């Protein structure tokens, strides 16, 4: 039996060239050295009312350490010379604005808004006002003689007599704790390596 053999056409499978992805060239980024303590304190004091721009972690935290040392030194000295306590209180009040501006720039450095600082400050004022409203009417009783249980009863009566101020103080303190944790976490995050809407990075070049 004859088998009809039909010739098969040659198969042509050209290999398609594989398209390689275009190389992504990233700019070379290098971190500048950490800011030293003296430079950080000078910068924060110089920018005491500057709530714009950015501040790296070393600038902010060196200044925080500086304010803690100043407050602690005057508090310790106030035990020996009472007038130093008033001097320390005045220094703490003078350093409040530089602290807030430094924190604002630190949040900007991580891409966060400085409005967190304003909210934090407003809550502090609300809690402080409620504290004054509660304790000022009974200040004479608290400074008088009496044991701890009596003092606790006087404070409890003040809370019962001013429920609005007591509520503001309690819930404001809880909110203040939450905001403090949030701003603390934001302030320890590393700088954005590139430029953001608040300006160029003070750390990465």
C-alpha atoms as a PDB file:
ATOM      1  CA  UNK A   1       0.000   0.000   0.000  1.00  0.00           C
ATOM      2  CA  UNK A   2       1.317   3.204  -1.054  1.00  0.00           C
ATOM      3  CA  UNK A   3       1.174   5.954   1.446  1.00  0.00           C
ATOM      4  CA  UNK A   4       0.753   9.428   0.161  1.00  0.00           C
ATOM      5  CA  UNK A   5       3.344  11.472   1.839  1.00  0.00           C
ATOM      6  CA  UNK A   6       2.560  15.128   1.678  1.00  0.00           C
ATOM      7  CA  UNK A   7       5.425  17.455   2.239  1.00  0.00           C
ATOM      8  CA  UNK A   8       4.958  19.739   5.215  1.00  0.00           C
ATOM      9  CA  UNK A   9       5.828  23.403   4.816  1.00  0.00           C
ATOM     10  CA  UNK A  10       8.765  24.483   6.908  1.00  0.00           C
ATOM     11  CA  UNK A  11       7.826  26.017  10.246  1.00  0.00           C
ATOM     12  CA  UNK A  12       9.226  29.445  10.747  1.00  0.00           C
ATOM     13  CA  UNK A  13       9.321  30.601  14.388  1.00  0.00           C
ATOM     14  CA  UNK A  14      11.289  33.752  14.605  1.00  0.00           C
ATOM     15  CA  UNK A  15      12.246  34.583  18.134  1.00  0.00           C
ATOM     16  CA  UNK A  16      10.781  37.869  19.061  1.00  0.00           C
ATOM     17  CA  UNK A  17      13.315  40.086  20.791  1.00  0.00           C
ATOM     18  CA  UNK A  18      12.549  40.424  24.449  1.00  0.00           C
ATOM     19  CA  UNK A  19      11.996  44.017  25.368  1.00  0.00           C
ATOM     20  CA  UNK A  20      14.042  44.853  28.377  1.00  0.00           C
ATOM     21  CA  UNK A  21      12.596  47.463  30.743  1.00  0.00           C
ATOM     22  CA  UNK A  22      14.303  50.751  30.551  1.00  0.00           C
ATOM     23  CA  UNK A  23      16.756  51.183  33.398  1.00  0.00           C
ATOM     24  CA  UNK A  24      15.465  53.379  36.152  1.00  0.00           C
ATOM     25  CA  UNK A  25      18.158  55.764  37.149  1.00  0.00           C
ATOM     26  CA  UNK A  26      17.686  57.009  40.671  1.00  0.00           C
ATOM     27  CA  UNK A  27      19.455  60.106  41.864  1.00  0.00           C
ATOM     28  CA  UNK A  28      22.234  59.452  44.297  1.00  0.00           C
ATOM     29  CA  UNK A  29      21.108  60.510  47.774  1.00  0.00           C
ATOM     30  CA  UNK A  30      23.464  61.025  50.681  1.00  0.00           C
ATOM     31  CA  UNK A  31      22.724  62.080  54.246  1.00  0.00           C
ATOM     32  CA  UNK A  32      24.535  65.045  55.711  1.00  0.00           C
ATOM     33  CA  UNK A  33      26.180  64.615  59.145  1.00  0.00           C
ATOM     34  CA  UNK A  34      23.997  64.899  62.217  1.00  0.00           C
ATOM     35  CA  UNK A  35      23.627  68.428  63.540  1.00  0.00           C
ATOM     36  CA  UNK A  36      25.680  69.018  66.680  1.00  0.00           C
ATOM     37  CA  UNK A  37      23.963  70.222  69.890  1.00  0.00           C
ATOM     38  CA  UNK A  38      25.265  73.798  69.841  1.00  0.00           C
ATOM     39  CA  UNK A  39      24.283  74.303  66.221  1.00  0.00           C
ATOM     40  CA  UNK A  40      20.838  72.784  66.846  1.00  0.00           C
ATOM     41  CA  UNK A  41      20.118  75.085  69.802  1.00  0.00           C
ATOM     42  CA  UNK A  42      21.342  78.157  67.902  1.00  0.00           C
ATOM     43  CA  UNK A  43      19.200  77.246  64.888  1.00  0.00           C
ATOM     44  CA  UNK A  44      16.026  76.724  66.938  1.00  0.00           C
ATOM     45  CA  UNK A  45      16.533  79.960  68.868  1.00  0.00           C
ATOM     46  CA  UNK A  46      17.231  81.835  65.637  1.00  0.00           C
ATOM     47  CA  UNK A  47      14.066  80.401  64.103  1.00  0.00           C
ATOM     48  CA  UNK A  48      12.035  80.851  67.287  1.00  0.00           C
ATOM     49  CA  UNK A  49       9.038  82.341  65.426  1.00  0.00           C
ATOM     50  CA  UNK A  50       9.602  80.551  62.110  1.00  0.00           C
ATOM     51  CA  UNK A  51       6.830  77.995  61.601  1.00  0.00           C
ATOM     52  CA  UNK A  52       7.785  77.321  57.966  1.00  0.00           C
ATOM     53  CA  UNK A  53      10.355  74.994  56.480  1.00  0.00           C
ATOM     54  CA  UNK A  54      11.683  71.737  57.840  1.00  0.00           C
ATOM     55  CA  UNK A  55      13.809  70.530  60.763  1.00  0.00           C
ATOM     56  CA  UNK A  56      15.617  67.196  60.922  1.00  0.00           C
ATOM     57  CA  UNK A  57      15.535  64.926  63.953  1.00  0.00           C
ATOM     58  CA  UNK A  58      18.895  65.972  65.367  1.00  0.00           C
ATOM     59  CA  UNK A  59      17.928  69.653  65.296  1.00  0.00           C
ATOM     60  CA  UNK A  60      14.638  69.081  67.086  1.00  0.00           C
ATOM     61  CA  UNK A  61      15.704  66.548  69.707  1.00  0.00           C
ATOM     62  CA  UNK A  62      18.894  68.377  70.695  1.00  0.00           C
ATOM     63  CA  UNK A  63      16.741  71.430  71.354  1.00  0.00           C
ATOM     64  CA  UNK A  64      14.261  69.350  73.379  1.00  0.00           C
ATOM     65  CA  UNK A  65      17.168  68.080  75.485  1.00  0.00           C
ATOM     66  CA  UNK A  66      18.358  71.656  75.960  1.00  0.00           C
ATOM     67  CA  UNK A  67      14.959  72.792  77.266  1.00  0.00           C
ATOM     68  CA  UNK A  68      14.751  69.802  79.623  1.00  0.00           C
ATOM     69  CA  UNK A  69      18.213  70.545  81.041  1.00  0.00           C
ATOM     70  CA  UNK A  70      17.376  74.238  81.550  1.00  0.00           C
ATOM     71  CA  UNK A  71      14.078  73.471  83.295  1.00  0.00           C
ATOM     72  CA  UNK A  72      15.625  70.770  85.484  1.00  0.00           C
ATOM     73  CA  UNK A  73      18.547  72.984  86.478  1.00  0.00           C
ATOM     74  CA  UNK A  74      16.311  75.824  87.629  1.00  0.00           C
ATOM     75  CA  UNK A  75      13.961  73.428  89.410  1.00  0.00           C
ATOM     76  CA  UNK A  76      16.872  71.898  91.286  1.00  0.00           C
ATOM     77  CA  UNK A  77      18.319  75.301  92.091  1.00  0.00           C
ATOM     78  CA  UNK A  78      14.930  76.499  93.319  1.00  0.00           C
ATOM     79  CA  UNK A  79      15.272  74.137  96.274  1.00  0.00           C
ATOM     80  CA  UNK A  80      18.185  76.229  97.513  1.00  0.00           C
ATOM     81  CA  UNK A  81      17.322  79.674  96.141  1.00  0.00           C
ATOM     82  CA  UNK A  82      13.550  80.164  95.760  1.00  0.00           C
ATOM     83  CA  UNK A  83      13.884  82.972  93.217  1.00  0.00           C
ATOM     84  CA  UNK A  84      15.460  80.508  90.774  1.00  0.00           C
ATOM     85  CA  UNK A  85      12.101  78.747  90.536  1.00  0.00           C
ATOM     86  CA  UNK A  86      10.542  81.922  89.183  1.00  0.00           C
ATOM     87  CA  UNK A  87      13.461  82.395  86.802  1.00  0.00           C
ATOM     88  CA  UNK A  88      12.998  78.818  85.599  1.00  0.00           C
ATOM     89  CA  UNK A  89       9.279  79.390  85.072  1.00  0.00           C
ATOM     90  CA  UNK A  90      10.047  82.478  83.005  1.00  0.00           C
ATOM     91  CA  UNK A  91      12.594  80.570  80.903  1.00  0.00           C
ATOM     92  CA  UNK A  92      10.098  77.766  80.306  1.00  0.00           C
ATOM     93  CA  UNK A  93       7.504  80.263  79.100  1.00  0.00           C
ATOM     94  CA  UNK A  94      10.059  81.964  76.829  1.00  0.00           C
ATOM     95  CA  UNK A  95      11.085  78.615  75.336  1.00  0.00           C
ATOM     96  CA  UNK A  96       7.506  77.545  74.626  1.00  0.00           C
ATOM     97  CA  UNK A  97       7.261  79.344  71.275  1.00  0.00           C
ATOM     98  CA  UNK A  98      10.659  78.051  70.017  1.00  0.00           C
ATOM     99  CA  UNK A  99       9.604  74.540  71.037  1.00  0.00           C
ATOM    100  CA  UNK A 100       6.336  74.796  69.113  1.00  0.00           C
ATOM    101  CA  UNK A 101       8.041  76.205  66.022  1.00  0.00           C
ATOM    102  CA  UNK A 102      10.705  73.483  66.116  1.00  0.00           C
ATOM    103  CA  UNK A 103       8.007  70.805  66.450  1.00  0.00           C
ATOM    104  CA  UNK A 104       6.098  72.308  63.530  1.00  0.00           C
ATOM    105  CA  UNK A 105       9.183  72.195  61.304  1.00  0.00           C
ATOM    106  CA  UNK A 106       9.882  68.628  62.477  1.00  0.00           C
ATOM    107  CA  UNK A 107       6.398  67.556  61.410  1.00  0.00           C
ATOM    108  CA  UNK A 108       6.902  69.325  58.087  1.00  0.00           C
ATOM    109  CA  UNK A 109      10.084  67.322  57.598  1.00  0.00           C
ATOM    110  CA  UNK A 110       8.065  64.094  57.691  1.00  0.00           C
ATOM    111  CA  UNK A 111       5.352  65.457  55.401  1.00  0.00           C
ATOM    112  CA  UNK A 112       2.840  66.142  58.194  1.00  0.00           C
ATOM    113  CA  UNK A 113       0.909  69.317  58.728  1.00  0.00           C
ATOM    114  CA  UNK A 114       1.812  71.734  61.490  1.00  0.00           C
ATOM    115  CA  UNK A 115      -1.863  71.991  62.438  1.00  0.00           C
ATOM    116  CA  UNK A 116      -1.218  69.106  64.827  1.00  0.00           C
ATOM    117  CA  UNK A 117       0.761  71.545  66.967  1.00  0.00           C
ATOM    118  CA  UNK A 118      -2.078  74.080  66.980  1.00  0.00           C
ATOM    119  CA  UNK A 119      -4.617  71.436  68.019  1.00  0.00           C
ATOM    120  CA  UNK A 120      -2.239  70.265  70.749  1.00  0.00           C
ATOM    121  CA  UNK A 121      -1.815  73.826  72.023  1.00  0.00           C
ATOM    122  CA  UNK A 122      -5.562  74.491  72.073  1.00  0.00           C
ATOM    123  CA  UNK A 123      -6.193  71.336  74.081  1.00  0.00           C
ATOM    124  CA  UNK A 124      -3.462  72.350  76.544  1.00  0.00           C
ATOM    125  CA  UNK A 125      -5.128  75.741  77.018  1.00  0.00           C
ATOM    126  CA  UNK A 126      -8.531  74.104  77.527  1.00  0.00           C
ATOM    127  CA  UNK A 127      -7.196  71.684  80.143  1.00  0.00           C
ATOM    128  CA  UNK A 128      -5.274  74.452  81.909  1.00  0.00           C
ATOM    129  CA  UNK A 129      -8.359  76.683  81.962  1.00  0.00           C
ATOM    130  CA  UNK A 130     -10.492  73.886  83.387  1.00  0.00           C
ATOM    131  CA  UNK A 131      -7.834  73.188  86.008  1.00  0.00           C
ATOM    132  CA  UNK A 132      -7.844  76.835  87.111  1.00  0.00           C
ATOM    133  CA  UNK A 133     -11.651  76.954  87.142  1.00  0.00           C
ATOM    134  CA  UNK A 134     -11.782  73.890  89.381  1.00  0.00           C
ATOM    135  CA  UNK A 135      -9.009  74.619  91.867  1.00  0.00           C
ATOM    136  CA  UNK A 136      -8.950  78.412  92.137  1.00  0.00           C
ATOM    137  CA  UNK A 137     -12.155  78.652  94.260  1.00  0.00           C
ATOM    138  CA  UNK A 138     -10.802  76.066  96.723  1.00  0.00           C
ATOM    139  CA  UNK A 139      -7.161  77.176  96.764  1.00  0.00           C
ATOM    140  CA  UNK A 140      -7.465  78.514 100.320  1.00  0.00           C
ATOM    141  CA  UNK A 141      -8.793  75.189 101.526  1.00  0.00           C
ATOM    142  CA  UNK A 142      -6.055  73.232  99.791  1.00  0.00           C
ATOM    143  CA  UNK A 143      -3.298  75.375 101.287  1.00  0.00           C
ATOM    144  CA  UNK A 144      -4.703  75.012 104.776  1.00  0.00           C
ATOM    145  CA  UNK A 145      -4.121  72.248 107.253  1.00  0.00           C
ATOM    146  CA  UNK A 146      -5.651  68.849 106.666  1.00  0.00           C
ATOM    147  CA  UNK A 147      -4.818  65.254 105.849  1.00  0.00           C
ATOM    148  CA  UNK A 148      -4.817  63.684 102.410  1.00  0.00           C
ATOM    149  CA  UNK A 149      -8.325  62.293 102.753  1.00  0.00           C
ATOM    150  CA  UNK A 150      -9.704  65.730 103.552  1.00  0.00           C
ATOM    151  CA  UNK A 151      -7.923  67.267 100.560  1.00  0.00           C
ATOM    152  CA  UNK A 152      -9.261  64.526  98.301  1.00  0.00           C
ATOM    153  CA  UNK A 153     -12.789  65.221  99.560  1.00  0.00           C
ATOM    154  CA  UNK A 154     -12.438  68.952  98.857  1.00  0.00           C
ATOM    155  CA  UNK A 155     -11.271  68.251  95.292  1.00  0.00           C
ATOM    156  CA  UNK A 156     -14.103  65.740  94.769  1.00  0.00           C
ATOM    157  CA  UNK A 157     -16.644  68.345  95.905  1.00  0.00           C
ATOM    158  CA  UNK A 158     -15.143  70.850  93.453  1.00  0.00           C
ATOM    159  CA  UNK A 159     -15.591  68.337  90.623  1.00  0.00           C
ATOM    160  CA  UNK A 160     -19.200  67.788  91.626  1.00  0.00           C
ATOM    161  CA  UNK A 161     -19.913  71.529  91.823  1.00  0.00           C
ATOM    162  CA  UNK A 162     -18.400  72.233  88.362  1.00  0.00           C
ATOM    163  CA  UNK A 163     -19.296  69.271  86.125  1.00  0.00           C
ATOM    164  CA  UNK A 164     -18.528  71.131  82.892  1.00  0.00           C
ATOM    165  CA  UNK A 165     -15.017  72.118  83.949  1.00  0.00           C
ATOM    166  CA  UNK A 166     -14.450  68.635  85.352  1.00  0.00           C
ATOM    167  CA  UNK A 167     -15.517  67.010  82.065  1.00  0.00           C
ATOM    168  CA  UNK A 168     -13.278  69.344  80.055  1.00  0.00           C
ATOM    169  CA  UNK A 169     -10.341  68.532  82.301  1.00  0.00           C
ATOM    170  CA  UNK A 170     -10.840  64.754  82.228  1.00  0.00           C
ATOM    171  CA  UNK A 171     -11.575  64.282  78.529  1.00  0.00           C
ATOM    172  CA  UNK A 172      -9.123  67.017  77.579  1.00  0.00           C
ATOM    173  CA  UNK A 173      -6.372  65.221  79.477  1.00  0.00           C
ATOM    174  CA  UNK A 174      -7.142  61.969  77.634  1.00  0.00           C
ATOM    175  CA  UNK A 175      -7.139  63.774  74.291  1.00  0.00           C
ATOM    176  CA  UNK A 176      -3.912  65.503  75.255  1.00  0.00           C
ATOM    177  CA  UNK A 177      -2.288  62.135  75.944  1.00  0.00           C
ATOM    178  CA  UNK A 178      -3.381  60.805  72.544  1.00  0.00           C
ATOM    179  CA  UNK A 179      -2.113  63.893  70.742  1.00  0.00           C
ATOM    180  CA  UNK A 180       1.174  63.709  72.629  1.00  0.00           C
ATOM    181  CA  UNK A 181       1.685  60.101  71.504  1.00  0.00           C
ATOM    182  CA  UNK A 182       0.805  60.966  67.893  1.00  0.00           C
ATOM    183  CA  UNK A 183       3.168  63.938  67.735  1.00  0.00           C
ATOM    184  CA  UNK A 184       5.892  61.903  69.457  1.00  0.00           C
ATOM    185  CA  UNK A 185       5.637  59.160  66.835  1.00  0.00           C
ATOM    186  CA  UNK A 186       5.668  61.706  64.001  1.00  0.00           C
ATOM    187  CA  UNK A 187       8.678  63.514  65.470  1.00  0.00           C
ATOM    188  CA  UNK A 188      10.876  60.384  65.538  1.00  0.00           C
ATOM    189  CA  UNK A 189      10.195  59.401  61.913  1.00  0.00           C
ATOM    190  CA  UNK A 190      13.077  59.946  59.514  1.00  0.00           C
ATOM    191  CA  UNK A 191      13.108  62.861  57.094  1.00  0.00           C
ATOM    192  CA  UNK A 192      11.548  62.602  53.654  1.00  0.00           C
ATOM    193  CA  UNK A 193      14.577  62.187  51.419  1.00  0.00           C
ATOM    194  CA  UNK A 194      13.208  64.414  48.678  1.00  0.00           C
ATOM    195  CA  UNK A 195      11.650  67.813  48.521  1.00  0.00           C
ATOM    196  CA  UNK A 196       8.091  68.073  49.785  1.00  0.00           C
ATOM    197  CA  UNK A 197       5.606  70.930  49.865  1.00  0.00           C
ATOM    198  CA  UNK A 198       7.353  72.429  52.883  1.00  0.00           C
ATOM    199  CA  UNK A 199      10.738  72.755  51.209  1.00  0.00           C
ATOM    200  CA  UNK A 200      13.911  70.788  50.457  1.00  0.00           C
ATOM    201  CA  UNK A 201      15.177  68.141  52.833  1.00  0.00           C
ATOM    202  CA  UNK A 202      17.613  69.486  55.437  1.00  0.00           C
ATOM    203  CA  UNK A 203      19.194  66.036  55.787  1.00  0.00           C
ATOM    204  CA  UNK A 204      19.408  64.368  52.374  1.00  0.00           C
ATOM    205  CA  UNK A 205      21.249  65.965  49.495  1.00  0.00           C
END
